[in-house]
Amino acid sequence: MIVSNNADDAITRYLDREGLTDLVQHVEGRDGEDPAFMKPNPRSLHRAIQAIAAHPQDCIFVGDSESDAVAACTADV
């Protein structure tokens, strides 16, 4: 699963180009509705976890920024 502040289309195109699509169960990108929902807001993590029918406590989130860490903590991941 990929959760990103980047757009879904950009992520999907990259995965297709690199032949990685089959390795990713779900892509949750930036919600164009409102930038307030970008990480560190946990909404994208909650939506991704729900999409794969998992529980936050059973997930591990690997990020590369402070906003990723805040999102994971807020989402109880």
Protein backbone atom coordinates (compact mmCIF):
# COMPACT_ATOMS: atom_id res chain seq x y z
CA MET A 1 0.00 0.00 0.00
CA ILE A 2 1.18 3.52 -0.75
CA VAL A 3 -0.10 6.58 1.10
CA SER A 4 1.23 9.82 -0.31
CA ASN A 5 0.64 13.56 -0.48
CA ASN A 6 1.26 13.14 -4.22
CA ALA A 7 -1.66 12.66 -6.62
CA ASP A 8 -3.05 9.14 -7.24
CA ASP A 9 -2.48 9.51 -11.01
CA ALA A 10 1.19 10.36 -10.61
CA ILE A 11 1.78 7.42 -8.28
CA THR A 12 -0.10 5.00 -10.53
CA ARG A 13 1.75 6.17 -13.66
CA TYR A 14 5.09 5.72 -11.89
CA LEU A 15 4.17 2.22 -10.72
CA ASP A 16 3.03 1.28 -14.24
CA ARG A 17 6.18 2.68 -15.85
CA GLU A 18 8.44 0.80 -13.43
CA GLY A 19 6.47 -2.46 -13.60
CA LEU A 20 5.56 -2.31 -9.91
CA THR A 21 1.76 -2.15 -10.11
CA ASP A 22 1.23 -5.79 -9.11
CA LEU A 23 3.25 -5.27 -5.93
CA VAL A 24 0.99 -2.55 -4.51
CA GLN A 25 -2.40 -3.48 -3.07
CA HIS A 26 -3.75 0.07 -2.77
CA VAL A 27 -2.76 3.65 -3.59
CA GLU A 28 -4.11 6.50 -1.47
CA GLY A 29 -2.94 9.82 -2.84
CA ARG A 30 -3.64 13.45 -2.17
CA ASP A 31 -7.31 14.32 -1.86
CA GLY A 32 -7.97 17.17 -4.27
CA GLU A 33 -10.96 18.33 -2.24
CA ASP A 34 -9.02 20.13 0.46
CA PRO A 35 -5.30 20.47 1.18
CA ALA A 36 -6.15 20.36 4.89
CA PHE A 37 -6.51 16.58 4.45
CA MET A 38 -2.87 16.12 3.43
CA LYS A 39 -0.51 14.48 5.92
CA PRO A 40 0.00 15.07 8.81
CA ASN A 41 -3.81 14.83 8.80
CA PRO A 42 -4.45 11.08 9.30
CA ARG A 43 -7.38 10.94 6.83
CA SER A 44 -5.35 9.35 4.02
CA LEU A 45 -4.02 6.69 6.39
CA HIS A 46 -7.51 5.94 7.70
CA ARG A 47 -8.87 5.64 4.15
CA ALA A 48 -6.04 3.34 3.07
CA ILE A 49 -6.41 1.10 6.12
CA GLN A 50 -10.16 0.88 5.53
CA ALA A 51 -9.62 0.07 1.83
CA ILE A 52 -7.65 -3.06 2.72
CA ALA A 53 -9.91 -3.97 5.65
CA ALA A 54 -7.10 -3.79 8.21
CA HIS A 55 -6.84 -2.44 11.74
CA PRO A 56 -4.47 0.47 12.49
CA GLN A 57 -2.76 -1.54 15.22
CA ASP A 58 -1.87 -4.22 12.65
CA CYS A 59 -0.18 -1.75 10.29
CA ILE A 60 3.32 -0.33 10.03
CA PHE A 61 3.90 3.02 8.38
CA VAL A 62 7.30 3.91 6.93
CA GLY A 63 7.73 7.57 6.09
CA ASP A 64 10.44 10.08 5.40
CA SER A 65 9.22 13.22 7.10
CA GLU A 66 7.99 14.60 10.39
CA SER A 67 4.49 14.96 8.90
CA ASP A 68 4.52 11.21 8.18
CA ALA A 69 5.38 10.45 11.80
CA VAL A 70 2.65 12.76 13.07
CA ALA A 71 0.09 11.20 10.70
CA ALA A 72 1.02 7.68 11.83
CA CYS A 73 0.79 8.56 15.52
CA THR A 74 -2.52 10.36 15.07
CA ALA A 75 -3.91 7.40 13.11
CA ASP A 76 -2.78 4.96 15.86
CA VAL A 77 -0.52 3.11 13.43
